[in-house]
Amino acid sequence: MTQNKVMTSIKLQKKLHHRLQQRVIEDGYGMRGKSKWIIESVESLLELADYPTLVDIAEDMDQLSEIVSIRLPEDLMNRIEKAVIKIRKQYPTLEGVKSNLIRASIVQRLLRSTSVTEV
């Protein structure tokens, strides 16, 4: 049974988008593997105990000029919705929580994989 996918889009900084594309290819996902890579990064972010804090930090990003469209499985979208509620309880004034959550997951995965390869 194939899962329903939900189309969503987020804005990224040009530099971050470039690093994302580079990493997706470096990690062997190919040009069409961006959604899969982002899905995995969101899933691993949601496993972190302090993810609301990381999402709050992502709110400070500016110059979000690149639009990235991704297809997320419905069950992950539901988990994101639940996470948004949890984050809003901690940071009631935070705007664009869903986009920030996805951005934070991309940044965290880039940071984690960069630190491993550059050591």
PDB file of N, CA and C in Angstrom:
ATOM      1  N   MET A   1       0.831  -1.184   0.000  1.00  0.00           N
ATOM      2  CA  MET A   1       0.000   0.000   0.000  1.00  0.00           C
ATOM      3  C   MET A   1       0.882   1.256   0.000  1.00  0.00           C
ATOM      4  N   THR A   2       0.653   2.109  -0.963  1.00  0.00           N
ATOM      5  CA  THR A   2       1.442   3.336  -0.995  1.00  0.00           C
ATOM      6  C   THR A   2       0.796   4.375  -0.103  1.00  0.00           C
ATOM      7  N   GLN A   3       1.643   5.118   0.539  1.00  0.00           N
ATOM      8  CA  GLN A   3       1.162   6.139   1.460  1.00  0.00           C
ATOM      9  C   GLN A   3       0.778   7.395   0.722  1.00  0.00           C
ATOM     10  N   ASN A   4      -0.250   8.063   1.203  1.00  0.00           N
ATOM     11  CA  ASN A   4      -0.587   9.366   0.641  1.00  0.00           C
ATOM     12  C   ASN A   4       0.524  10.345   0.980  1.00  0.00           C
ATOM     13  N   LYS A   5       0.852  11.168   0.004  1.00  0.00           N
ATOM     14  CA  LYS A   5       1.882  12.179   0.215  1.00  0.00           C
ATOM     15  C   LYS A   5       1.222  13.547   0.252  1.00  0.00           C
ATOM     16  N   VAL A   6       1.782  14.400   1.056  1.00  0.00           N
ATOM     17  CA  VAL A   6       1.278  15.759   1.171  1.00  0.00           C
ATOM     18  C   VAL A   6       2.347  16.685   0.612  1.00  0.00           C
ATOM     19  N   MET A   7       1.947  17.522  -0.325  1.00  0.00           N
ATOM     20  CA  MET A   7       2.870  18.463  -0.934  1.00  0.00           C
ATOM     21  C   MET A   7       2.965  19.695  -0.039  1.00  0.00           C
ATOM     22  N   THR A   8       4.166  20.116   0.237  1.00  0.00           N
ATOM     23  CA  THR A   8       4.355  21.339   1.008  1.00  0.00           C
ATOM     24  C   THR A   8       5.592  22.037   0.475  1.00  0.00           C
ATOM     25  N   SER A   9       5.735  23.292   0.787  1.00  0.00           N
ATOM     26  CA  SER A   9       6.958  23.978   0.378  1.00  0.00           C
ATOM     27  C   SER A   9       7.432  24.891   1.496  1.00  0.00           C
ATOM     28  N   ILE A  10       8.733  25.063   1.529  1.00  0.00           N
ATOM     29  CA  ILE A  10       9.350  25.927   2.530  1.00  0.00           C
ATOM     30  C   ILE A  10      10.329  26.834   1.816  1.00  0.00           C
ATOM     31  N   LYS A  11      10.705  27.889   2.496  1.00  0.00           N
ATOM     32  CA  LYS A  11      11.709  28.795   1.946  1.00  0.00           C
ATOM     33  C   LYS A  11      13.028  28.565   2.671  1.00  0.00           C
ATOM     34  N   LEU A  12      14.100  28.588   1.891  1.00  0.00           N
ATOM     35  CA  LEU A  12      15.437  28.429   2.451  1.00  0.00           C
ATOM     36  C   LEU A  12      16.326  29.570   1.979  1.00  0.00           C
ATOM     37  N   GLN A  13      17.407  29.785   2.705  1.00  0.00           N
ATOM     38  CA  GLN A  13      18.423  30.715   2.235  1.00  0.00           C
ATOM     39  C   GLN A  13      19.106  30.073   1.032  1.00  0.00           C
ATOM     40  N   LYS A  14      19.574  30.910   0.118  1.00  0.00           N
ATOM     41  CA  LYS A  14      20.233  30.420  -1.097  1.00  0.00           C
ATOM     42  C   LYS A  14      21.403  29.481  -0.751  1.00  0.00           C
ATOM     43  N   LYS A  15      22.247  29.903   0.184  1.00  0.00           N
ATOM     44  CA  LYS A  15      23.417  29.112   0.571  1.00  0.00           C
ATOM     45  C   LYS A  15      23.002  27.760   1.173  1.00  0.00           C
ATOM     46  N   LEU A  16      21.983  27.806   2.032  1.00  0.00           N
ATOM     47  CA  LEU A  16      21.495  26.583   2.670  1.00  0.00           C
ATOM     48  C   LEU A  16      20.896  25.636   1.629  1.00  0.00           C
ATOM     49  N   HIS A  17      20.156  26.175   0.684  1.00  0.00           N
ATOM     50  CA  HIS A  17      19.559  25.359  -0.372  1.00  0.00           C
ATOM     51  C   HIS A  17      20.643  24.693  -1.204  1.00  0.00           C
ATOM     52  N   HIS A  18      21.691  25.437  -1.510  1.00  0.00           N
ATOM     53  CA  HIS A  18      22.804  24.885  -2.274  1.00  0.00           C
ATOM     54  C   HIS A  18      23.482  23.747  -1.498  1.00  0.00           C
ATOM     55  N   ARG A  19      23.707  23.973  -0.194  1.00  0.00           N
ATOM     56  CA  ARG A  19      24.327  22.932   0.641  1.00  0.00           C
ATOM     57  C   ARG A  19      23.438  21.698   0.730  1.00  0.00           C
ATOM     58  N   LEU A  20      22.136  21.932   0.808  1.00  0.00           N
ATOM     59  CA  LEU A  20      21.177  20.823   0.848  1.00  0.00           C
ATOM     60  C   LEU A  20      21.286  19.989  -0.430  1.00  0.00           C
ATOM     61  N   GLN A  21      21.238  20.657  -1.578  1.00  0.00           N
ATOM     62  CA  GLN A  21      21.319  19.935  -2.859  1.00  0.00           C
ATOM     63  C   GLN A  21      22.627  19.157  -2.970  1.00  0.00           C
ATOM     64  N   GLN A  22      23.720  19.800  -2.566  1.00  0.00           N
ATOM     65  CA  GLN A  22      25.035  19.156  -2.597  1.00  0.00           C
ATOM     66  C   GLN A  22      25.041  17.902  -1.730  1.00  0.00           C
ATOM     67  N   ARG A  23      24.531  18.035  -0.502  1.00  0.00           N
ATOM     68  CA  ARG A  23      24.549  16.928   0.445  1.00  0.00           C
ATOM     69  C   ARG A  23      23.676  15.771  -0.018  1.00  0.00           C
ATOM     70  N   VAL A  24      22.501  16.089  -0.574  1.00  0.00           N
ATOM     71  CA  VAL A  24      21.598  15.045  -1.072  1.00  0.00           C
ATOM     72  C   VAL A  24      22.326  14.200  -2.106  1.00  0.00           C
ATOM     73  N   ILE A  25      23.069  14.858  -2.996  1.00  0.00           N
ATOM     74  CA  ILE A  25      23.809  14.137  -4.035  1.00  0.00           C
ATOM     75  C   ILE A  25      24.994  13.381  -3.427  1.00  0.00           C
ATOM     76  N   GLU A  26      25.745  14.059  -2.534  1.00  0.00           N
ATOM     77  CA  GLU A  26      26.889  13.414  -1.873  1.00  0.00           C
ATOM     78  C   GLU A  26      26.470  12.163  -1.101  1.00  0.00           C
ATOM     79  N   ASP A  27      25.294  12.231  -0.470  1.00  0.00           N
ATOM     80  CA  ASP A  27      24.812  11.105   0.324  1.00  0.00           C
ATOM     81  C   ASP A  27      24.227   9.987  -0.538  1.00  0.00           C
ATOM     82  N   GLY A  28      24.251  10.182  -1.866  1.00  0.00           N
ATOM     83  CA  GLY A  28      23.828   9.127  -2.782  1.00  0.00           C
ATOM     84  C   GLY A  28      22.326   9.039  -3.021  1.00  0.00           C
ATOM     85  N   TYR A  29      21.600  10.119  -2.743  1.00  0.00           N
ATOM     86  CA  TYR A  29      20.155  10.103  -2.949  1.00  0.00           C
ATOM     87  C   TYR A  29      19.767  10.461  -4.377  1.00  0.00           C
ATOM     88  N   GLY A  30      20.709  11.028  -5.121  1.00  0.00           N
ATOM     89  CA  GLY A  30      20.403  11.426  -6.493  1.00  0.00           C
ATOM     90  C   GLY A  30      19.586  12.707  -6.523  1.00  0.00           C
ATOM     91  N   MET A  31      19.359  13.215  -7.730  1.00  0.00           N
ATOM     92  CA  MET A  31      18.660  14.489  -7.898  1.00  0.00           C
ATOM     93  C   MET A  31      17.212  14.423  -7.422  1.00  0.00           C
ATOM     94  N   ARG A  32      16.590  13.274  -7.499  1.00  0.00           N
ATOM     95  CA  ARG A  32      15.182  13.165  -7.125  1.00  0.00           C
ATOM     96  C   ARG A  32      14.985  12.717  -5.675  1.00  0.00           C
ATOM     97  N   GLY A  33      16.081  12.598  -4.941  1.00  0.00           N
ATOM     98  CA  GLY A  33      15.998  12.079  -3.581  1.00  0.00           C
ATOM     99  C   GLY A  33      15.880  13.127  -2.491  1.00  0.00           C
ATOM    100  N   LYS A  34      15.670  14.380  -2.888  1.00  0.00           N
ATOM    101  CA  LYS A  34      15.635  15.465  -1.901  1.00  0.00           C
ATOM    102  C   LYS A  34      14.533  15.264  -0.863  1.00  0.00           C
ATOM    103  N   SER A  35      13.327  14.916  -1.306  1.00  0.00           N
ATOM    104  CA  SER A  35      12.224  14.721  -0.348  1.00  0.00           C
ATOM    105  C   SER A  35      12.564  13.627   0.648  1.00  0.00           C
ATOM    106  N   LYS A  36      13.116  12.509   0.147  1.00  0.00           N
ATOM    107  CA  LYS A  36      13.469  11.393   1.018  1.00  0.00           C
ATOM    108  C   LYS A  36      14.497  11.840   2.067  1.00  0.00           C
ATOM    109  N   TRP A  37      15.487  12.603   1.633  1.00  0.00           N
ATOM    110  CA  TRP A  37      16.531  13.106   2.523  1.00  0.00           C
ATOM    111  C   TRP A  37      15.908  14.010   3.588  1.00  0.00           C
ATOM    112  N   ILE A  38      15.010  14.904   3.166  1.00  0.00           N
ATOM    113  CA  ILE A  38      14.371  15.833   4.103  1.00  0.00           C
ATOM    114  C   ILE A  38      13.446  15.075   5.061  1.00  0.00           C
ATOM    115  N   ILE A  39      12.714  14.084   4.547  1.00  0.00           N
ATOM    116  CA  ILE A  39      11.840  13.256   5.398  1.00  0.00           C
ATOM    117  C   ILE A  39      12.666  12.620   6.517  1.00  0.00           C
ATOM    118  N   GLU A  40      13.802  12.031   6.145  1.00  0.00           N
ATOM    119  CA  GLU A  40      14.672  11.393   7.143  1.00  0.00           C
ATOM    120  C   GLU A  40      15.197  12.414   8.149  1.00  0.00           C
ATOM    121  N   SER A  41      15.514  13.615   7.677  1.00  0.00           N
ATOM    122  CA  SER A  41      16.039  14.619   8.608  1.00  0.00           C
ATOM    123  C   SER A  41      14.953  15.099   9.574  1.00  0.00           C
ATOM    124  N   VAL A  42      13.703  15.223   9.081  1.00  0.00           N
ATOM    125  CA  VAL A  42      12.591  15.614   9.967  1.00  0.00           C
ATOM    126  C   VAL A  42      12.359  14.518  11.007  1.00  0.00           C
ATOM    127  N   GLU A  43      12.360  13.261  10.551  1.00  0.00           N
ATOM    128  CA  GLU A  43      12.145  12.150  11.486  1.00  0.00           C
ATOM    129  C   GLU A  43      13.212  12.134  12.576  1.00  0.00           C
ATOM    130  N   SER A  44      14.475  12.355  12.198  1.00  0.00           N
ATOM    131  CA  SER A  44      15.516  12.320  13.227  1.00  0.00           C
ATOM    132  C   SER A  44      15.448  13.547  14.133  1.00  0.00           C
ATOM    133  N   LEU A  45      15.023  14.702  13.610  1.00  0.00           N
ATOM    134  CA  LEU A  45      14.862  15.877  14.469  1.00  0.00           C
ATOM    135  C   LEU A  45      13.788  15.623  15.522  1.00  0.00           C
ATOM    136  N   LEU A  46      12.679  15.025  15.104  1.00  0.00           N
ATOM    137  CA  LEU A  46      11.564  14.792  16.037  1.00  0.00           C
ATOM    138  C   LEU A  46      11.938  13.804  17.143  1.00  0.00           C
ATOM    139  N   GLU A  47      13.018  13.049  16.950  1.00  0.00           N
ATOM    140  CA  GLU A  47      13.473  12.115  17.982  1.00  0.00           C
ATOM    141  C   GLU A  47      14.311  12.810  19.051  1.00  0.00           C
ATOM    142  N   LEU A  48      14.761  14.019  18.770  1.00  0.00           N
ATOM    143  CA  LEU A  48      15.590  14.749  19.729  1.00  0.00           C
ATOM    144  C   LEU A  48      14.709  15.371  20.815  1.00  0.00           C
ATOM    145  N   ALA A  49      15.155  15.270  22.046  1.00  0.00           N
ATOM    146  CA  ALA A  49      14.366  15.804  23.155  1.00  0.00           C
ATOM    147  C   ALA A  49      14.231  17.325  23.074  1.00  0.00           C
ATOM    148  N   ASP A  50      15.263  17.991  22.559  1.00  0.00           N
ATOM    149  CA  ASP A  50      15.266  19.462  22.562  1.00  0.00           C
ATOM    150  C   ASP A  50      14.841  20.067  21.225  1.00  0.00           C
ATOM    151  N   TYR A  51      14.110  19.289  20.396  1.00  0.00           N
ATOM    152  CA  TYR A  51      13.775  19.838  19.077  1.00  0.00           C
ATOM    153  C   TYR A  51      13.002  21.159  19.110  1.00  0.00           C
ATOM    154  N   PRO A  52      12.121  21.414  20.110  1.00  0.00           N
ATOM    155  CA  PRO A  52      11.457  22.723  20.100  1.00  0.00           C
ATOM    156  C   PRO A  52      12.453  23.894  20.150  1.00  0.00           C
ATOM    157  N   THR A  53      13.538  23.726  20.905  1.00  0.00           N
ATOM    158  CA  THR A  53      14.575  24.766  20.996  1.00  0.00           C
ATOM    159  C   THR A  53      15.250  24.958  19.650  1.00  0.00           C
ATOM    160  N   LEU A  54      15.542  23.859  18.969  1.00  0.00           N
ATOM    161  CA  LEU A  54      16.201  23.938  17.663  1.00  0.00           C
ATOM    162  C   LEU A  54      15.298  24.624  16.641  1.00  0.00           C
ATOM    163  N   VAL A  55      13.997  24.376  16.745  1.00  0.00           N
ATOM    164  CA  VAL A  55      13.035  25.013  15.849  1.00  0.00           C
ATOM    165  C   VAL A  55      12.976  26.511  16.148  1.00  0.00           C
ATOM    166  N   ASP A  56      13.040  26.865  17.412  1.00  0.00           N
ATOM    167  CA  ASP A  56      13.036  28.276  17.794  1.00  0.00           C
ATOM    168  C   ASP A  56      14.254  28.989  17.219  1.00  0.00           C
ATOM    169  N   ILE A  57      15.401  28.336  17.238  1.00  0.00           N
ATOM    170  CA  ILE A  57      16.636  28.916  16.690  1.00  0.00           C
ATOM    171  C   ILE A  57      16.488  29.143  15.176  1.00  0.00           C
ATOM    172  N   ALA A  58      15.834  28.212  14.488  1.00  0.00           N
ATOM    173  CA  ALA A  58      15.663  28.322  13.037  1.00  0.00           C
ATOM    174  C   ALA A  58      14.839  29.545  12.658  1.00  0.00           C
ATOM    175  N   GLU A  59      14.081  30.055  13.620  1.00  0.00           N
ATOM    176  CA  GLU A  59      13.237  31.225  13.366  1.00  0.00           C
ATOM    177  C   GLU A  59      14.072  32.452  13.036  1.00  0.00           C
ATOM    178  N   ASP A  60      15.329  32.452  13.456  1.00  0.00           N
ATOM    179  CA  ASP A  60      16.201  33.611  13.241  1.00  0.00           C
ATOM    180  C   ASP A  60      16.739  33.718  11.813  1.00  0.00           C
ATOM    181  N   MET A  61      16.458  32.744  10.981  1.00  0.00           N
ATOM    182  CA  MET A  61      16.950  32.792   9.601  1.00  0.00           C
ATOM    183  C   MET A  61      16.279  33.912   8.829  1.00  0.00           C
ATOM    184  N   ASP A  62      17.085  34.580   8.001  1.00  0.00           N
ATOM    185  CA  ASP A  62      16.508  35.609   7.142  1.00  0.00           C
ATOM    186  C   ASP A  62      16.945  35.353   5.694  1.00  0.00           C
ATOM    187  N   GLN A  63      16.543  36.221   4.804  1.00  0.00           N
ATOM    188  CA  GLN A  63      16.857  36.090   3.372  1.00  0.00           C
ATOM    189  C   GLN A  63      16.431  34.729   2.828  1.00  0.00           C
ATOM    190  N   LEU A  64      15.211  34.359   3.135  1.00  0.00           N
ATOM    191  CA  LEU A  64      14.691  33.075   2.667  1.00  0.00           C
ATOM    192  C   LEU A  64      14.140  33.270   1.254  1.00  0.00           C
ATOM    193  N   SER A  65      15.026  33.111   0.264  1.00  0.00           N
ATOM    194  CA  SER A  65      14.661  33.442  -1.116  1.00  0.00           C
ATOM    195  C   SER A  65      14.380  32.218  -1.971  1.00  0.00           C
ATOM    196  N   GLU A  66      14.837  31.053  -1.541  1.00  0.00           N
ATOM    197  CA  GLU A  66      14.682  29.840  -2.345  1.00  0.00           C
ATOM    198  C   GLU A  66      13.466  29.046  -1.882  1.00  0.00           C
ATOM    199  N   ILE A  67      12.578  28.713  -2.802  1.00  0.00           N
ATOM    200  CA  ILE A  67      11.411  27.909  -2.435  1.00  0.00           C
ATOM    201  C   ILE A  67      11.684  26.449  -2.789  1.00  0.00           C
ATOM    202  N   VAL A  68      11.529  25.588  -1.800  1.00  0.00           N
ATOM    203  CA  VAL A  68      11.760  24.162  -1.973  1.00  0.00           C
ATOM    204  C   VAL A  68      10.445  23.429  -1.748  1.00  0.00           C
ATOM    205  N   SER A  69      10.026  22.671  -2.745  1.00  0.00           N
ATOM    206  CA  SER A  69       8.805  21.868  -2.600  1.00  0.00           C
ATOM    207  C   SER A  69       9.183  20.445  -2.246  1.00  0.00           C
ATOM    208  N   ILE A  70       8.457  19.891  -1.292  1.00  0.00           N
ATOM    209  CA  ILE A  70       8.727  18.513  -0.869  1.00  0.00           C
ATOM    210  C   ILE A  70       7.422  17.756  -0.710  1.00  0.00           C
ATOM    211  N   ARG A  71       7.513  16.457  -0.906  1.00  0.00           N
ATOM    212  CA  ARG A  71       6.362  15.574  -0.722  1.00  0.00           C
ATOM    213  C   ARG A  71       6.608  14.759   0.539  1.00  0.00           C
ATOM    214  N   LEU A  72       5.739  14.967   1.528  1.00  0.00           N
ATOM    215  CA  LEU A  72       5.894  14.275   2.808  1.00  0.00           C
ATOM    216  C   LEU A  72       4.794  13.246   2.976  1.00  0.00           C
ATOM    217  N   PRO A  73       5.132  12.077   3.545  1.00  0.00           N
ATOM    218  CA  PRO A  73       4.096  11.077   3.829  1.00  0.00           C
ATOM    219  C   PRO A  73       3.081  11.663   4.820  1.00  0.00           C
ATOM    220  N   GLU A  74       1.839  11.252   4.670  1.00  0.00           N
ATOM    221  CA  GLU A  74       0.764  11.772   5.520  1.00  0.00           C
ATOM    222  C   GLU A  74       1.045  11.565   7.007  1.00  0.00           C
ATOM    223  N   ASP A  75       1.564  10.390   7.376  1.00  0.00           N
ATOM    224  CA  ASP A  75       1.803  10.134   8.801  1.00  0.00           C
ATOM    225  C   ASP A  75       2.881  11.052   9.366  1.00  0.00           C
ATOM    226  N   LEU A  76       3.880  11.400   8.547  1.00  0.00           N
ATOM    227  CA  LEU A  76       4.903  12.336   9.017  1.00  0.00           C
ATOM    228  C   LEU A  76       4.298  13.737   9.146  1.00  0.00           C
ATOM    229  N   MET A  77       3.433  14.096   8.224  1.00  0.00           N
ATOM    230  CA  MET A  77       2.761  15.394   8.294  1.00  0.00           C
ATOM    231  C   MET A  77       1.944  15.480   9.592  1.00  0.00           C
ATOM    232  N   ASN A  78       1.294  14.376   9.971  1.00  0.00           N
ATOM    233  CA  ASN A  78       0.543  14.337  11.228  1.00  0.00           C
ATOM    234  C   ASN A  78       1.471  14.509  12.428  1.00  0.00           C
ATOM    235  N   ARG A  79       2.639  13.853  12.359  1.00  0.00           N
ATOM    236  CA  ARG A  79       3.617  14.006  13.447  1.00  0.00           C
ATOM    237  C   ARG A  79       4.123  15.443  13.524  1.00  0.00           C
ATOM    238  N   ILE A  80       4.295  16.074  12.363  1.00  0.00           N
ATOM    239  CA  ILE A  80       4.722  17.473  12.333  1.00  0.00           C
ATOM    240  C   ILE A  80       3.652  18.349  12.971  1.00  0.00           C
ATOM    241  N   GLU A  81       2.379  18.078  12.644  1.00  0.00           N
ATOM    242  CA  GLU A  81       1.271  18.859  13.230  1.00  0.00           C
ATOM    243  C   GLU A  81       1.277  18.750  14.756  1.00  0.00           C
ATOM    244  N   LYS A  82       1.506  17.540  15.272  1.00  0.00           N
ATOM    245  CA  LYS A  82       1.568  17.343  16.727  1.00  0.00           C
ATOM    246  C   LYS A  82       2.763  18.091  17.319  1.00  0.00           C
ATOM    247  N   ALA A  83       3.884  18.049  16.595  1.00  0.00           N
ATOM    248  CA  ALA A  83       5.088  18.746  17.054  1.00  0.00           C
ATOM    249  C   ALA A  83       4.858  20.254  17.092  1.00  0.00           C
ATOM    250  N   VAL A  84       4.124  20.766  16.104  1.00  0.00           N
ATOM    251  CA  VAL A  84       3.814  22.198  16.056  1.00  0.00           C
ATOM    252  C   VAL A  84       3.075  22.614  17.327  1.00  0.00           C
ATOM    253  N   ILE A  85       2.126  21.793  17.760  1.00  0.00           N
ATOM    254  CA  ILE A  85       1.363  22.076  18.982  1.00  0.00           C
ATOM    255  C   ILE A  85       2.309  22.111  20.190  1.00  0.00           C
ATOM    256  N   LYS A  86       3.184  21.119  20.266  1.00  0.00           N
ATOM    257  CA  LYS A  86       4.143  21.059  21.371  1.00  0.00           C
ATOM    258  C   LYS A  86       5.063  22.288  21.369  1.00  0.00           C
ATOM    259  N   ILE A  87       5.535  22.671  20.182  1.00  0.00           N
ATOM    260  CA  ILE A  87       6.436  23.822  20.069  1.00  0.00           C
ATOM    261  C   ILE A  87       5.706  25.109  20.447  1.00  0.00           C
ATOM    262  N   ARG A  88       4.462  25.247  19.995  1.00  0.00           N
ATOM    263  CA  ARG A  88       3.675  26.456  20.307  1.00  0.00           C
ATOM    264  C   ARG A  88       3.438  26.604  21.807  1.00  0.00           C
ATOM    265  N   LYS A  89       3.347  25.483  22.521  1.00  0.00           N
ATOM    266  CA  LYS A  89       3.186  25.556  23.986  1.00  0.00           C
ATOM    267  C   LYS A  89       4.428  26.163  24.627  1.00  0.00           C
ATOM    268  N   GLN A  90       5.600  25.819  24.067  1.00  0.00           N
ATOM    269  CA  GLN A  90       6.856  26.339  24.610  1.00  0.00           C
ATOM    270  C   GLN A  90       7.171  27.739  24.084  1.00  0.00           C
ATOM    271  N   TYR A  91       6.838  27.976  22.813  1.00  0.00           N
ATOM    272  CA  TYR A  91       7.146  29.260  22.164  1.00  0.00           C
ATOM    273  C   TYR A  91       5.879  29.805  21.508  1.00  0.00           C
ATOM    274  N   PRO A  92       4.965  30.361  22.319  1.00  0.00           N
ATOM    275  CA  PRO A  92       3.655  30.776  21.785  1.00  0.00           C
ATOM    276  C   PRO A  92       3.711  31.855  20.709  1.00  0.00           C
ATOM    277  N   THR A  93       4.783  32.631  20.667  1.00  0.00           N
ATOM    278  CA  THR A  93       4.845  33.722  19.688  1.00  0.00           C
ATOM    279  C   THR A  93       5.534  33.327  18.386  1.00  0.00           C
ATOM    280  N   LEU A  94       6.034  32.113  18.323  1.00  0.00           N
ATOM    281  CA  LEU A  94       6.765  31.656  17.140  1.00  0.00           C
ATOM    282  C   LEU A  94       5.858  31.613  15.913  1.00  0.00           C
ATOM    283  N   GLU A  95       6.337  32.182  14.816  1.00  0.00           N
ATOM    284  CA  GLU A  95       5.579  32.187  13.560  1.00  0.00           C
ATOM    285  C   GLU A  95       6.102  31.098  12.634  1.00  0.00           C
ATOM    286  N   GLY A  96       5.268  30.622  11.745  1.00  0.00           N
ATOM    287  CA  GLY A  96       5.700  29.664  10.722  1.00  0.00           C
ATOM    288  C   GLY A  96       6.378  28.437  11.293  1.00  0.00           C
ATOM    289  N   VAL A  97       5.768  27.848  12.308  1.00  0.00           N
ATOM    290  CA  VAL A  97       6.399  26.752  13.047  1.00  0.00           C
ATOM    291  C   VAL A  97       6.720  25.563  12.141  1.00  0.00           C
ATOM    292  N   LYS A  98       5.791  25.202  11.262  1.00  0.00           N
ATOM    293  CA  LYS A  98       6.006  24.032  10.406  1.00  0.00           C
ATOM    294  C   LYS A  98       7.229  24.218   9.502  1.00  0.00           C
ATOM    295  N   SER A  99       7.320  25.378   8.864  1.00  0.00           N
ATOM    296  CA  SER A  99       8.479  25.669   8.008  1.00  0.00           C
ATOM    297  C   SER A  99       9.765  25.694   8.820  1.00  0.00           C
ATOM    298  N   ASN A 100       9.697  26.305  10.004  1.00  0.00           N
ATOM    299  CA  ASN A 100      10.883  26.356  10.858  1.00  0.00           C
ATOM    300  C   ASN A 100      11.314  24.960  11.293  1.00  0.00           C
ATOM    301  N   LEU A 101      10.356  24.099  11.550  1.00  0.00           N
ATOM    302  CA  LEU A 101      10.671  22.727  11.948  1.00  0.00           C
ATOM    303  C   LEU A 101      11.413  22.016  10.811  1.00  0.00           C
ATOM    304  N   ILE A 102      10.922  22.150   9.602  1.00  0.00           N
ATOM    305  CA  ILE A 102      11.574  21.503   8.461  1.00  0.00           C
ATOM    306  C   ILE A 102      12.949  22.124   8.212  1.00  0.00           C
ATOM    307  N   ARG A 103      13.026  23.457   8.296  1.00  0.00           N
ATOM    308  CA  ARG A 103      14.327  24.131   8.133  1.00  0.00           C
ATOM    309  C   ARG A 103      15.310  23.662   9.196  1.00  0.00           C
ATOM    310  N   ALA A 104      14.852  23.596  10.452  1.00  0.00           N
ATOM    311  CA  ALA A 104      15.724  23.162  11.554  1.00  0.00           C
ATOM    312  C   ALA A 104      16.232  21.743  11.308  1.00  0.00           C
ATOM    313  N   SER A 105      15.369  20.880  10.792  1.00  0.00           N
ATOM    314  CA  SER A 105      15.786  19.494  10.561  1.00  0.00           C
ATOM    315  C   SER A 105      16.854  19.416   9.464  1.00  0.00           C
ATOM    316  N   ILE A 106      16.715  20.250   8.439  1.00  0.00           N
ATOM    317  CA  ILE A 106      17.714  20.287   7.362  1.00  0.00           C
ATOM    318  C   ILE A 106      19.049  20.771   7.923  1.00  0.00           C
ATOM    319  N   VAL A 107      19.011  21.868   8.674  1.00  0.00           N
ATOM    320  CA  VAL A 107      20.228  22.442   9.249  1.00  0.00           C
ATOM    321  C   VAL A 107      20.905  21.440  10.177  1.00  0.00           C
ATOM    322  N   GLN A 108      20.107  20.795  11.042  1.00  0.00           N
ATOM    323  CA  GLN A 108      20.680  19.828  11.989  1.00  0.00           C
ATOM    324  C   GLN A 108      21.348  18.664  11.264  1.00  0.00           C
ATOM    325  N   ARG A 109      20.698  18.162  10.222  1.00  0.00           N
ATOM    326  CA  ARG A 109      21.291  17.031   9.503  1.00  0.00           C
ATOM    327  C   ARG A 109      22.567  17.466   8.780  1.00  0.00           C
ATOM    328  N   LEU A 110      22.550  18.652   8.206  1.00  0.00           N
ATOM    329  CA  LEU A 110      23.767  19.162   7.556  1.00  0.00           C
ATOM    330  C   LEU A 110      24.883  19.327   8.579  1.00  0.00           C
ATOM    331  N   LEU A 111      24.568  19.883   9.738  1.00  0.00           N
ATOM    332  CA  LEU A 111      25.585  20.088  10.774  1.00  0.00           C
ATOM    333  C   LEU A 111      26.124  18.764  11.283  1.00  0.00           C
ATOM    334  N   ARG A 112      25.230  17.831  11.537  1.00  0.00           N
ATOM    335  CA  ARG A 112      25.656  16.544  12.092  1.00  0.00           C
ATOM    336  C   ARG A 112      26.509  15.771  11.086  1.00  0.00           C
ATOM    337  N   SER A 113      26.108  15.769   9.822  1.00  0.00           N
ATOM    338  CA  SER A 113      26.887  15.006   8.852  1.00  0.00           C
ATOM    339  C   SER A 113      28.170  15.728   8.484  1.00  0.00           C
ATOM    340  N   THR A 114      28.179  17.070   8.554  1.00  0.00           N
ATOM    341  CA  THR A 114      29.384  17.822   8.267  1.00  0.00           C
ATOM    342  C   THR A 114      30.424  17.556   9.338  1.00  0.00           C
ATOM    343  N   SER A 115      29.999  17.615  10.599  1.00  0.00           N
ATOM    344  CA  SER A 115      30.957  17.442  11.686  1.00  0.00           C
ATOM    345  C   SER A 115      31.589  16.055  11.666  1.00  0.00           C
ATOM    346  N   VAL A 116      30.839  15.072  11.192  1.00  0.00           N
ATOM    347  CA  VAL A 116      31.377  13.716  11.124  1.00  0.00           C
ATOM    348  C   VAL A 116      32.426  13.613  10.014  1.00  0.00           C
ATOM    349  N   THR A 117      32.132  14.192   8.844  1.00  0.00           N
ATOM    350  CA  THR A 117      33.046  14.034   7.708  1.00  0.00           C
ATOM    351  C   THR A 117      34.256  14.940   7.796  1.00  0.00           C
ATOM    352  N   GLU A 118      34.151  16.035   8.516  1.00  0.00           N
ATOM    353  CA  GLU A 118      35.269  16.977   8.531  1.00  0.00           C
ATOM    354  C   GLU A 118      36.228  16.746   9.698  1.00  0.00           C
ATOM    355  N   VAL A 119      35.963  15.777  10.524  1.00  0.00           N
ATOM    356  CA  VAL A 119      36.810  15.522  11.690  1.00  0.00           C
ATOM    357  C   VAL A 119      38.027  14.721  11.271  1.00  0.00           C
TER     358      VAL A 119
END
